[in-house]
Amino acid sequence: MKRSIYIFIGCLILVAGVSGQTATPTPATHHVCQDCPVEDAFTTINDALAAAQPGDTINIWGEEVHPPGSGIIYEYNEHLVIDKRITLTCDN
């Protein structure tokens, strides 16, 4: 009887140790722009929100960068529902 109890307790400790180990994801930065040099950038804020995980940053580019200083301003007219903890920021 004692042997069964010790084995059972050992299994509980092993399972608790394995299940307690969770990898902490590295926060990502998602870029939203119409014409920027960033690969895999989103063209809408909602698409970036859908891809973002809690803790990520969404960086919205507000001005065209090709050619630099062209002064062309992009507007994003979208209805946003932000239902997770993210950082929303803007370049330019």
PDB file of N, CA and C in Angstrom:
ATOM      1  N   MET A   1       0.824  -1.198   0.000  1.00  0.00           N
ATOM      2  CA  MET A   1       0.000   0.000   0.000  1.00  0.00           C
ATOM      3  C   MET A   1       0.864   1.255   0.000  1.00  0.00           C
ATOM      4  N   LYS A   2       1.902   1.290   0.805  1.00  0.00           N
ATOM      5  CA  LYS A   2       2.753   2.476   0.853  1.00  0.00           C
ATOM      6  C   LYS A   2       3.412   2.739  -0.493  1.00  0.00           C
ATOM      7  N   ARG A   3       3.805   1.701  -1.177  1.00  0.00           N
ATOM      8  CA  ARG A   3       4.468   1.879  -2.465  1.00  0.00           C
ATOM      9  C   ARG A   3       3.534   2.570  -3.465  1.00  0.00           C
ATOM     10  N   SER A   4       2.287   2.196  -3.505  1.00  0.00           N
ATOM     11  CA  SER A   4       1.325   2.808  -4.416  1.00  0.00           C
ATOM     12  C   SER A   4       1.142   4.287  -4.106  1.00  0.00           C
ATOM     13  N   ILE A   5       1.107   4.630  -2.864  1.00  0.00           N
ATOM     14  CA  ILE A   5       0.928   6.035  -2.469  1.00  0.00           C
ATOM     15  C   ILE A   5       2.137   6.864  -2.892  1.00  0.00           C
ATOM     16  N   TYR A   6       3.328   6.362  -2.675  1.00  0.00           N
ATOM     17  CA  TYR A   6       4.528   7.106  -3.049  1.00  0.00           C
ATOM     18  C   TYR A   6       4.606   7.306  -4.563  1.00  0.00           C
ATOM     19  N   ILE A   7       4.263   6.317  -5.324  1.00  0.00           N
ATOM     20  CA  ILE A   7       4.275   6.442  -6.782  1.00  0.00           C
ATOM     21  C   ILE A   7       3.238   7.468  -7.228  1.00  0.00           C
ATOM     22  N   PHE A   8       2.085   7.430  -6.635  1.00  0.00           N
ATOM     23  CA  PHE A   8       1.036   8.375  -6.975  1.00  0.00           C
ATOM     24  C   PHE A   8       1.480   9.808  -6.678  1.00  0.00           C
ATOM     25  N   ILE A   9       2.073  10.050  -5.531  1.00  0.00           N
ATOM     26  CA  ILE A   9       2.564  11.382  -5.161  1.00  0.00           C
ATOM     27  C   ILE A   9       3.664  11.826  -6.116  1.00  0.00           C
ATOM     28  N   GLY A  10       4.543  10.904  -6.484  1.00  0.00           N
ATOM     29  CA  GLY A  10       5.607  11.232  -7.431  1.00  0.00           C
ATOM     30  C   GLY A  10       5.053  11.666  -8.776  1.00  0.00           C
ATOM     31  N   CYS A  11       3.992  11.022  -9.234  1.00  0.00           N
ATOM     32  CA  CYS A  11       3.361  11.400 -10.501  1.00  0.00           C
ATOM     33  C   CYS A  11       2.728  12.782 -10.411  1.00  0.00           C
ATOM     34  N   LEU A  12       2.127  13.102  -9.285  1.00  0.00           N
ATOM     35  CA  LEU A  12       1.532  14.426  -9.113  1.00  0.00           C
ATOM     36  C   LEU A  12       2.591  15.522  -9.175  1.00  0.00           C
ATOM     37  N   ILE A  13       3.699  15.293  -8.569  1.00  0.00           N
ATOM     38  CA  ILE A  13       4.777  16.288  -8.585  1.00  0.00           C
ATOM     39  C   ILE A  13       5.312  16.460  -9.995  1.00  0.00           C
ATOM     40  N   LEU A  14       5.478  15.368 -10.718  1.00  0.00           N
ATOM     41  CA  LEU A  14       5.973  15.431 -12.082  1.00  0.00           C
ATOM     42  C   LEU A  14       4.999  16.187 -12.981  1.00  0.00           C
ATOM     43  N   VAL A  15       3.717  15.880 -12.887  1.00  0.00           N
ATOM     44  CA  VAL A  15       2.714  16.559 -13.710  1.00  0.00           C
ATOM     45  C   VAL A  15       2.644  18.040 -13.361  1.00  0.00           C
ATOM     46  N   ALA A  16       2.692  18.371 -12.089  1.00  0.00           N
ATOM     47  CA  ALA A  16       2.643  19.778 -11.681  1.00  0.00           C
ATOM     48  C   ALA A  16       3.856  20.520 -12.204  1.00  0.00           C
ATOM     49  N   GLY A  17       5.016  19.895 -12.190  1.00  0.00           N
ATOM     50  CA  GLY A  17       6.221  20.555 -12.681  1.00  0.00           C
ATOM     51  C   GLY A  17       6.165  20.810 -14.171  1.00  0.00           C
ATOM     52  N   VAL A  18       5.666  19.857 -14.933  1.00  0.00           N
ATOM     53  CA  VAL A  18       5.595  20.009 -16.379  1.00  0.00           C
ATOM     54  C   VAL A  18       4.523  21.016 -16.771  1.00  0.00           C
ATOM     55  N   SER A  19       3.346  20.917 -16.166  1.00  0.00           N
ATOM     56  CA  SER A  19       2.270  21.811 -16.558  1.00  0.00           C
ATOM     57  C   SER A  19       2.505  23.237 -16.075  1.00  0.00           C
ATOM     58  N   GLY A  20       3.321  23.422 -15.057  1.00  0.00           N
ATOM     59  CA  GLY A  20       3.588  24.761 -14.544  1.00  0.00           C
ATOM     60  C   GLY A  20       4.562  25.548 -15.393  1.00  0.00           C
ATOM     61  N   GLN A  21       5.227  24.867 -16.335  1.00  0.00           N
ATOM     62  CA  GLN A  21       6.204  25.538 -17.179  1.00  0.00           C
ATOM     63  C   GLN A  21       5.529  26.037 -18.441  1.00  0.00           C
ATOM     64  N   THR A  22       5.373  27.347 -18.549  1.00  0.00           N
ATOM     65  CA  THR A  22       4.795  27.927 -19.753  1.00  0.00           C
ATOM     66  C   THR A  22       5.780  28.927 -20.324  1.00  0.00           C
ATOM     67  N   ALA A  23       5.936  28.898 -21.615  1.00  0.00           N
ATOM     68  CA  ALA A  23       6.843  29.831 -22.276  1.00  0.00           C
ATOM     69  C   ALA A  23       6.183  31.201 -22.349  1.00  0.00           C
ATOM     70  N   THR A  24       6.943  32.223 -22.038  1.00  0.00           N
ATOM     71  CA  THR A  24       6.441  33.591 -22.136  1.00  0.00           C
ATOM     72  C   THR A  24       6.731  34.099 -23.542  1.00  0.00           C
ATOM     73  N   PRO A  25       5.692  34.389 -24.326  1.00  0.00           N
ATOM     74  CA  PRO A  25       5.939  34.852 -25.690  1.00  0.00           C
ATOM     75  C   PRO A  25       6.557  36.246 -25.693  1.00  0.00           C
ATOM     76  N   THR A  26       7.410  36.477 -26.658  1.00  0.00           N
ATOM     77  CA  THR A  26       8.025  37.789 -26.818  1.00  0.00           C
ATOM     78  C   THR A  26       7.020  38.705 -27.503  1.00  0.00           C
ATOM     79  N   PRO A  27       6.754  39.870 -26.921  1.00  0.00           N
ATOM     80  CA  PRO A  27       5.805  40.790 -27.566  1.00  0.00           C
ATOM     81  C   PRO A  27       6.283  41.161 -28.972  1.00  0.00           C
ATOM     82  N   ALA A  28       5.360  41.227 -29.897  1.00  0.00           N
ATOM     83  CA  ALA A  28       5.671  41.560 -31.286  1.00  0.00           C
ATOM     84  C   ALA A  28       5.204  42.972 -31.599  1.00  0.00           C
ATOM     85  N   THR A  29       5.762  43.534 -32.652  1.00  0.00           N
ATOM     86  CA  THR A  29       5.310  44.828 -33.158  1.00  0.00           C
ATOM     87  C   THR A  29       4.711  44.600 -34.532  1.00  0.00           C
ATOM     88  N   HIS A  30       3.466  45.013 -34.707  1.00  0.00           N
ATOM     89  CA  HIS A  30       2.767  44.900 -35.986  1.00  0.00           C
ATOM     90  C   HIS A  30       2.666  46.298 -36.588  1.00  0.00           C
ATOM     91  N   HIS A  31       3.049  46.430 -37.834  1.00  0.00           N
ATOM     92  CA  HIS A  31       3.024  47.725 -38.507  1.00  0.00           C
ATOM     93  C   HIS A  31       1.810  47.812 -39.416  1.00  0.00           C
ATOM     94  N   VAL A  32       1.185  48.991 -39.429  1.00  0.00           N
ATOM     95  CA  VAL A  32       0.056  49.274 -40.306  1.00  0.00           C
ATOM     96  C   VAL A  32       0.462  50.449 -41.185  1.00  0.00           C
ATOM     97  N   CYS A  33       0.496  50.220 -42.498  1.00  0.00           N
ATOM     98  CA  CYS A  33       0.866  51.305 -43.406  1.00  0.00           C
ATOM     99  C   CYS A  33       0.368  50.994 -44.811  1.00  0.00           C
ATOM    100  N   GLN A  34       0.273  52.021 -45.609  1.00  0.00           N
ATOM    101  CA  GLN A  34      -0.159  51.878 -46.994  1.00  0.00           C
ATOM    102  C   GLN A  34       1.034  51.707 -47.932  1.00  0.00           C
ATOM    103  N   ASP A  35       2.137  52.346 -47.621  1.00  0.00           N
ATOM    104  CA  ASP A  35       3.304  52.313 -48.495  1.00  0.00           C
ATOM    105  C   ASP A  35       4.549  52.487 -47.630  1.00  0.00           C
ATOM    106  N   CYS A  36       5.000  51.389 -47.047  1.00  0.00           N
ATOM    107  CA  CYS A  36       6.172  51.493 -46.176  1.00  0.00           C
ATOM    108  C   CYS A  36       7.136  50.348 -46.464  1.00  0.00           C
ATOM    109  N   PRO A  37       8.371  50.501 -46.043  1.00  0.00           N
ATOM    110  CA  PRO A  37       9.379  49.481 -46.326  1.00  0.00           C
ATOM    111  C   PRO A  37       9.336  48.270 -45.390  1.00  0.00           C
ATOM    112  N   VAL A  38       8.336  48.168 -44.540  1.00  0.00           N
ATOM    113  CA  VAL A  38       8.261  47.075 -43.578  1.00  0.00           C
ATOM    114  C   VAL A  38       7.598  45.870 -44.241  1.00  0.00           C
ATOM    115  N   GLU A  39       8.311  44.750 -44.234  1.00  0.00           N
ATOM    116  CA  GLU A  39       7.775  43.527 -44.810  1.00  0.00           C
ATOM    117  C   GLU A  39       6.642  42.988 -43.931  1.00  0.00           C
ATOM    118  N   ASP A  40       5.618  42.443 -44.530  1.00  0.00           N
ATOM    119  CA  ASP A  40       4.468  41.862 -43.827  1.00  0.00           C
ATOM    120  C   ASP A  40       3.669  42.893 -43.035  1.00  0.00           C
ATOM    121  N   ALA A  41       3.669  44.142 -43.479  1.00  0.00           N
ATOM    122  CA  ALA A  41       2.873  45.175 -42.802  1.00  0.00           C
ATOM    123  C   ALA A  41       1.405  44.988 -43.161  1.00  0.00           C
ATOM    124  N   PHE A  42       0.522  45.383 -42.260  1.00  0.00           N
ATOM    125  CA  PHE A  42      -0.917  45.322 -42.490  1.00  0.00           C
ATOM    126  C   PHE A  42      -1.379  46.615 -43.139  1.00  0.00           C
ATOM    127  N   THR A  43      -2.449  46.541 -43.920  1.00  0.00           N
ATOM    128  CA  THR A  43      -2.988  47.752 -44.542  1.00  0.00           C
ATOM    129  C   THR A  43      -4.151  48.325 -43.752  1.00  0.00           C
ATOM    130  N   THR A  44      -4.682  47.556 -42.783  1.00  0.00           N
ATOM    131  CA  THR A  44      -5.757  48.077 -41.927  1.00  0.00           C
ATOM    132  C   THR A  44      -5.401  47.826 -40.459  1.00  0.00           C
ATOM    133  N   ILE A  45      -5.911  48.676 -39.611  1.00  0.00           N
ATOM    134  CA  ILE A  45      -5.684  48.526 -38.170  1.00  0.00           C
ATOM    135  C   ILE A  45      -6.404  47.286 -37.662  1.00  0.00           C
ATOM    136  N   ASN A  46      -7.597  47.010 -38.185  1.00  0.00           N
ATOM    137  CA  ASN A  46      -8.347  45.832 -37.746  1.00  0.00           C
ATOM    138  C   ASN A  46      -7.618  44.528 -38.057  1.00  0.00           C
ATOM    139  N   ASP A  47      -6.943  44.455 -39.200  1.00  0.00           N
ATOM    140  CA  ASP A  47      -6.164  43.252 -39.512  1.00  0.00           C
ATOM    141  C   ASP A  47      -5.018  43.080 -38.515  1.00  0.00           C
ATOM    142  N   ALA A  48      -4.370  44.189 -38.157  1.00  0.00           N
ATOM    143  CA  ALA A  48      -3.289  44.122 -37.169  1.00  0.00           C
ATOM    144  C   ALA A  48      -3.831  43.730 -35.799  1.00  0.00           C
ATOM    145  N   LEU A  49      -5.008  44.257 -35.433  1.00  0.00           N
ATOM    146  CA  LEU A  49      -5.628  43.885 -34.155  1.00  0.00           C
ATOM    147  C   LEU A  49      -5.956  42.397 -34.105  1.00  0.00           C
ATOM    148  N   ALA A  50      -6.429  41.855 -35.210  1.00  0.00           N
ATOM    149  CA  ALA A  50      -6.771  40.432 -35.251  1.00  0.00           C
ATOM    150  C   ALA A  50      -5.530  39.561 -35.073  1.00  0.00           C
ATOM    151  N   ALA A  51      -4.396  40.011 -35.587  1.00  0.00           N
ATOM    152  CA  ALA A  51      -3.150  39.234 -35.490  1.00  0.00           C
ATOM    153  C   ALA A  51      -2.428  39.439 -34.162  1.00  0.00           C
ATOM    154  N   ALA A  52      -2.713  40.536 -33.475  1.00  0.00           N
ATOM    155  CA  ALA A  52      -1.977  40.883 -32.251  1.00  0.00           C
ATOM    156  C   ALA A  52      -2.377  39.992 -31.076  1.00  0.00           C
ATOM    157  N   GLN A  53      -1.396  39.706 -30.245  1.00  0.00           N
ATOM    158  CA  GLN A  53      -1.596  38.989 -28.991  1.00  0.00           C
ATOM    159  C   GLN A  53      -1.479  40.004 -27.852  1.00  0.00           C
ATOM    160  N   PRO A  54      -2.040  39.714 -26.691  1.00  0.00           N
ATOM    161  CA  PRO A  54      -1.886  40.632 -25.559  1.00  0.00           C
ATOM    162  C   PRO A  54      -0.406  40.944 -25.303  1.00  0.00           C
ATOM    163  N   GLY A  55      -0.105  42.214 -25.131  1.00  0.00           N
ATOM    164  CA  GLY A  55       1.266  42.652 -24.905  1.00  0.00           C
ATOM    165  C   GLY A  55       1.963  43.147 -26.154  1.00  0.00           C
ATOM    166  N   ASP A  56       1.378  42.896 -27.339  1.00  0.00           N
ATOM    167  CA  ASP A  56       1.983  43.340 -28.592  1.00  0.00           C
ATOM    168  C   ASP A  56       1.786  44.839 -28.786  1.00  0.00           C
ATOM    169  N   THR A  57       2.529  45.389 -29.747  1.00  0.00           N
ATOM    170  CA  THR A  57       2.413  46.794 -30.124  1.00  0.00           C
ATOM    171  C   THR A  57       1.929  46.875 -31.558  1.00  0.00           C
ATOM    172  N   ILE A  58       1.001  47.781 -31.813  1.00  0.00           N
ATOM    173  CA  ILE A  58       0.567  48.075 -33.179  1.00  0.00           C
ATOM    174  C   ILE A  58       1.047  49.484 -33.492  1.00  0.00           C
ATOM    175  N   ASN A  59       1.899  49.582 -34.500  1.00  0.00           N
ATOM    176  CA  ASN A  59       2.503  50.845 -34.888  1.00  0.00           C
ATOM    177  C   ASN A  59       1.878  51.290 -36.218  1.00  0.00           C
ATOM    178  N   ILE A  60       1.149  52.397 -36.177  1.00  0.00           N
ATOM    179  CA  ILE A  60       0.465  52.911 -37.361  1.00  0.00           C
ATOM    180  C   ILE A  60       1.333  53.983 -38.018  1.00  0.00           C
ATOM    181  N   TRP A  61       1.594  53.803 -39.286  1.00  0.00           N
ATOM    182  CA  TRP A  61       2.362  54.781 -40.045  1.00  0.00           C
ATOM    183  C   TRP A  61       1.377  55.763 -40.647  1.00  0.00           C
ATOM    184  N   GLY A  62       1.514  57.038 -40.316  1.00  0.00           N
ATOM    185  CA  GLY A  62       0.554  58.033 -40.754  1.00  0.00           C
ATOM    186  C   GLY A  62       0.959  58.820 -41.982  1.00  0.00           C
ATOM    187  N   GLU A  63       2.194  58.673 -42.436  1.00  0.00           N
ATOM    188  CA  GLU A  63       2.660  59.464 -43.562  1.00  0.00           C
ATOM    189  C   GLU A  63       3.417  58.562 -44.528  1.00  0.00           C
ATOM    190  N   GLU A  64       3.257  58.815 -45.797  1.00  0.00           N
ATOM    191  CA  GLU A  64       3.974  58.038 -46.786  1.00  0.00           C
ATOM    192  C   GLU A  64       5.481  58.242 -46.616  1.00  0.00           C
ATOM    193  N   VAL A  65       6.235  57.187 -46.789  1.00  0.00           N
ATOM    194  CA  VAL A  65       7.679  57.291 -46.604  1.00  0.00           C
ATOM    195  C   VAL A  65       8.444  57.175 -47.915  1.00  0.00           C
ATOM    196  N   HIS A  66       7.744  56.958 -49.023  1.00  0.00           N
ATOM    197  CA  HIS A  66       8.405  56.873 -50.341  1.00  0.00           C
ATOM    198  C   HIS A  66       7.833  57.945 -51.243  1.00  0.00           C
ATOM    199  N   PRO A  67       8.471  58.993 -51.592  1.00  0.00           N
ATOM    200  CA  PRO A  67       9.783  59.392 -51.095  1.00  0.00           C
ATOM    201  C   PRO A  67       9.667  60.011 -49.701  1.00  0.00           C
ATOM    202  N   PRO A  68      10.720  59.907 -48.926  1.00  0.00           N
ATOM    203  CA  PRO A  68      10.686  60.464 -47.564  1.00  0.00           C
ATOM    204  C   PRO A  68      10.354  61.959 -47.581  1.00  0.00           C
ATOM    205  N   GLY A  69       9.513  62.342 -46.645  1.00  0.00           N
ATOM    206  CA  GLY A  69       9.153  63.752 -46.536  1.00  0.00           C
ATOM    207  C   GLY A  69       8.185  64.235 -47.596  1.00  0.00           C
ATOM    208  N   SER A  70       7.521  63.315 -48.279  1.00  0.00           N
ATOM    209  CA  SER A  70       6.603  63.715 -49.350  1.00  0.00           C
ATOM    210  C   SER A  70       5.382  64.457 -48.801  1.00  0.00           C
ATOM    211  N   GLY A  71       5.070  64.237 -47.520  1.00  0.00           N
ATOM    212  CA  GLY A  71       3.962  64.943 -46.899  1.00  0.00           C
ATOM    213  C   GLY A  71       2.604  64.335 -47.170  1.00  0.00           C
ATOM    214  N   ILE A  72       2.549  63.204 -47.847  1.00  0.00           N
ATOM    215  CA  ILE A  72       1.275  62.546 -48.092  1.00  0.00           C
ATOM    216  C   ILE A  72       0.819  61.874 -46.803  1.00  0.00           C
ATOM    217  N   ILE A  73      -0.368  62.237 -46.330  1.00  0.00           N
ATOM    218  CA  ILE A  73      -0.898  61.711 -45.079  1.00  0.00           C
ATOM    219  C   ILE A  73      -1.976  60.675 -45.388  1.00  0.00           C
ATOM    220  N   TYR A  74      -1.866  59.525 -44.752  1.00  0.00           N
ATOM    221  CA  TYR A  74      -2.878  58.484 -44.909  1.00  0.00           C
ATOM    222  C   TYR A  74      -3.844  58.541 -43.738  1.00  0.00           C
ATOM    223  N   GLU A  75      -5.112  58.310 -44.021  1.00  0.00           N
ATOM    224  CA  GLU A  75      -6.138  58.258 -42.987  1.00  0.00           C
ATOM    225  C   GLU A  75      -6.662  56.836 -42.897  1.00  0.00           C
ATOM    226  N   TYR A  76      -6.937  56.416 -41.689  1.00  0.00           N
ATOM    227  CA  TYR A  76      -7.520  55.099 -41.449  1.00  0.00           C
ATOM    228  C   TYR A  76      -8.886  55.322 -40.811  1.00  0.00           C
ATOM    229  N   ASN A  77      -9.936  55.141 -41.585  1.00  0.00           N
ATOM    230  CA  ASN A  77     -11.299  55.323 -41.093  1.00  0.00           C
ATOM    231  C   ASN A  77     -11.881  53.948 -40.810  1.00  0.00           C
ATOM    232  N   GLU A  78     -11.726  53.491 -39.578  1.00  0.00           N
ATOM    233  CA  GLU A  78     -12.171  52.158 -39.197  1.00  0.00           C
ATOM    234  C   GLU A  78     -12.870  52.207 -37.847  1.00  0.00           C
ATOM    235  N   HIS A  79     -13.776  51.290 -37.643  1.00  0.00           N
ATOM    236  CA  HIS A  79     -14.397  51.101 -36.340  1.00  0.00           C
ATOM    237  C   HIS A  79     -13.543  50.074 -35.609  1.00  0.00           C
ATOM    238  N   LEU A  80     -12.973  50.461 -34.465  1.00  0.00           N
ATOM    239  CA  LEU A  80     -12.060  49.577 -33.733  1.00  0.00           C
ATOM    240  C   LEU A  80     -12.690  49.098 -32.433  1.00  0.00           C
ATOM    241  N   VAL A  81     -12.523  47.829 -32.170  1.00  0.00           N
ATOM    242  CA  VAL A  81     -12.876  47.251 -30.878  1.00  0.00           C
ATOM    243  C   VAL A  81     -11.594  46.630 -30.337  1.00  0.00           C
ATOM    244  N   ILE A  82     -11.032  47.260 -29.331  1.00  0.00           N
ATOM    245  CA  ILE A  82      -9.786  46.771 -28.739  1.00  0.00           C
ATOM    246  C   ILE A  82     -10.160  45.982 -27.492  1.00  0.00           C
ATOM    247  N   ASP A  83     -10.048  44.667 -27.602  1.00  0.00           N
ATOM    248  CA  ASP A  83     -10.477  43.793 -26.514  1.00  0.00           C
ATOM    249  C   ASP A  83      -9.320  43.017 -25.883  1.00  0.00           C
ATOM    250  N   LYS A  84      -8.111  43.531 -26.048  1.00  0.00           N
ATOM    251  CA  LYS A  84      -6.945  42.917 -25.418  1.00  0.00           C
ATOM    252  C   LYS A  84      -5.938  44.010 -25.087  1.00  0.00           C
ATOM    253  N   ARG A  85      -5.034  43.687 -24.174  1.00  0.00           N
ATOM    254  CA  ARG A  85      -4.033  44.666 -23.731  1.00  0.00           C
ATOM    255  C   ARG A  85      -2.946  44.779 -24.793  1.00  0.00           C
ATOM    256  N   ILE A  86      -2.940  45.905 -25.519  1.00  0.00           N
ATOM    257  CA  ILE A  86      -1.933  46.173 -26.536  1.00  0.00           C
ATOM    258  C   ILE A  86      -1.459  47.613 -26.383  1.00  0.00           C
ATOM    259  N   THR A  87      -0.380  47.924 -27.076  1.00  0.00           N
ATOM    260  CA  THR A  87       0.096  49.304 -27.158  1.00  0.00           C
ATOM    261  C   THR A  87      -0.193  49.778 -28.578  1.00  0.00           C
ATOM    262  N   LEU A  88      -0.880  50.893 -28.698  1.00  0.00           N
ATOM    263  CA  LEU A  88      -1.208  51.470 -29.992  1.00  0.00           C
ATOM    264  C   LEU A  88      -0.402  52.748 -30.135  1.00  0.00           C
ATOM    265  N   THR A  89       0.415  52.826 -31.167  1.00  0.00           N
ATOM    266  CA  THR A  89       1.282  53.982 -31.347  1.00  0.00           C
ATOM    267  C   THR A  89       1.308  54.387 -32.813  1.00  0.00           C
ATOM    268  N   CYS A  90       1.898  55.546 -33.105  1.00  0.00           N
ATOM    269  CA  CYS A  90       1.924  56.053 -34.473  1.00  0.00           C
ATOM    270  C   CYS A  90       3.295  56.634 -34.786  1.00  0.00           C
ATOM    271  N   ASP A  91       3.805  56.311 -35.965  1.00  0.00           N
ATOM    272  CA  ASP A  91       5.039  56.909 -36.477  1.00  0.00           C
ATOM    273  C   ASP A  91       4.667  58.009 -37.463  1.00  0.00           C
ATOM    274  N   ASN A  92       5.592  58.941 -37.629  1.00  0.00           N
ATOM    275  CA  ASN A  92       5.449  60.033 -38.598  1.00  0.00           C
ATOM    276  C   ASN A  92       4.347  60.974 -38.161  1.00  0.00           C
TER     277      ASN A  92
END
